[in-house]
């Protein structure tokens, strides 16, 4: 009975951590396409892992797997953007 009570107490105090399967996407684009890319990022809210804004801009984004196809599809429609899925 003591084990049952202590187990119940431990379970009651456990914090549930939700883990998601994420896809990391790298998008390269010209400075001219910045507004289009940023609009998609603002809409879909992937986590920005890294970004470099130079002559060629590159953003590395992480998004849950279920939303990745939509993100990739939208980014691929941006003129001149190159989208690559990272391992």
Protein backbone atom coordinates (compact mmCIF):
# COMPACT_ATOMS: atom_id res chain seq x y z
CA UNK A 1 0.00 0.00 0.00
CA UNK A 2 2.89 2.35 0.76
CA UNK A 3 4.32 1.79 -2.73
CA UNK A 4 0.94 2.48 -4.31
CA UNK A 5 0.59 5.79 -2.45
CA UNK A 6 4.13 6.96 -3.19
CA UNK A 7 3.75 6.00 -6.88
CA UNK A 8 0.50 7.95 -7.10
CA UNK A 9 2.17 10.95 -5.44
CA UNK A 10 5.14 10.84 -7.83
CA UNK A 11 2.85 10.61 -10.85
CA UNK A 12 0.75 13.50 -9.58
CA UNK A 13 3.87 15.66 -9.30
CA UNK A 14 5.33 14.67 -12.67
CA UNK A 15 5.63 17.31 -15.32
CA UNK A 16 4.47 16.16 -18.72
CA UNK A 17 6.90 17.14 -21.45
CA UNK A 18 5.46 17.11 -24.95
CA UNK A 19 8.03 16.16 -27.54
CA UNK A 20 7.49 16.93 -31.18
CA UNK A 21 9.26 15.64 -34.24
CA UNK A 22 10.74 18.68 -35.94
CA UNK A 23 12.06 19.20 -39.45
CA UNK A 24 14.95 21.60 -40.04
CA UNK A 25 14.68 23.58 -43.25
CA UNK A 26 17.29 25.88 -44.76
CA UNK A 27 16.11 28.54 -47.17
CA UNK A 28 18.45 30.71 -49.23
CA UNK A 29 17.12 33.76 -51.00
CA UNK A 30 18.15 37.10 -52.43
CA UNK A 31 17.73 40.25 -50.37
CA UNK A 32 14.88 41.25 -52.71
CA UNK A 33 12.83 38.24 -51.53
CA UNK A 34 13.30 39.10 -47.82
CA UNK A 35 9.76 40.49 -47.30
CA UNK A 36 8.13 37.42 -48.86
CA UNK A 37 10.18 35.01 -46.74
CA UNK A 38 9.66 37.01 -43.54
CA UNK A 39 5.88 37.09 -44.13
CA UNK A 40 5.85 33.27 -44.29
CA UNK A 41 8.03 33.02 -41.15
CA UNK A 42 5.70 35.42 -39.32
CA UNK A 43 2.62 33.44 -40.43
CA UNK A 44 3.90 29.95 -39.66
CA UNK A 45 6.18 30.78 -36.72
CA UNK A 46 8.93 28.20 -37.14
CA UNK A 47 11.81 28.42 -34.68
CA UNK A 48 14.67 30.40 -36.23
CA UNK A 49 17.79 28.30 -35.63
CA UNK A 50 20.19 30.53 -37.56
CA UNK A 51 20.11 33.41 -40.00
CA UNK A 52 22.68 35.16 -42.15
CA UNK A 53 21.72 38.26 -44.10
CA UNK A 54 24.34 39.01 -46.73
CA UNK A 55 24.27 39.25 -50.55
CA UNK A 56 22.57 35.86 -50.35
CA UNK A 57 20.40 35.47 -47.25
CA UNK A 58 20.08 32.14 -45.48
CA UNK A 59 17.68 31.16 -42.71
CA UNK A 60 17.65 27.83 -40.91
CA UNK A 61 14.19 27.09 -39.54
CA UNK A 62 12.84 24.31 -37.37
CA UNK A 63 9.14 23.40 -37.49
CA UNK A 64 7.05 20.48 -36.33
CA UNK A 65 6.83 17.74 -38.92
CA UNK A 66 3.09 18.18 -39.45
CA UNK A 67 3.58 21.80 -40.59
CA UNK A 68 6.78 21.25 -42.56
CA UNK A 69 5.16 20.48 -45.93
CA UNK A 70 3.14 23.69 -45.84
CA UNK A 71 6.21 25.74 -44.83
CA UNK A 72 8.37 24.18 -47.56
CA UNK A 73 5.63 24.59 -50.17
CA UNK A 74 5.16 28.27 -49.34
CA UNK A 75 8.91 28.99 -49.27
CA UNK A 76 9.42 27.23 -52.63
CA UNK A 77 6.91 29.63 -54.23
CA UNK A 78 9.10 32.61 -53.35
CA UNK A 79 10.91 33.63 -56.52
CA UNK A 80 14.57 32.64 -56.41
CA UNK A 81 14.35 30.87 -53.05
CA UNK A 82 16.22 27.59 -52.61
CA UNK A 83 14.76 25.31 -49.95
CA UNK A 84 16.70 22.38 -48.51
CA UNK A 85 15.68 19.92 -45.78
CA UNK A 86 18.50 19.35 -43.29
CA UNK A 87 19.11 16.11 -41.42
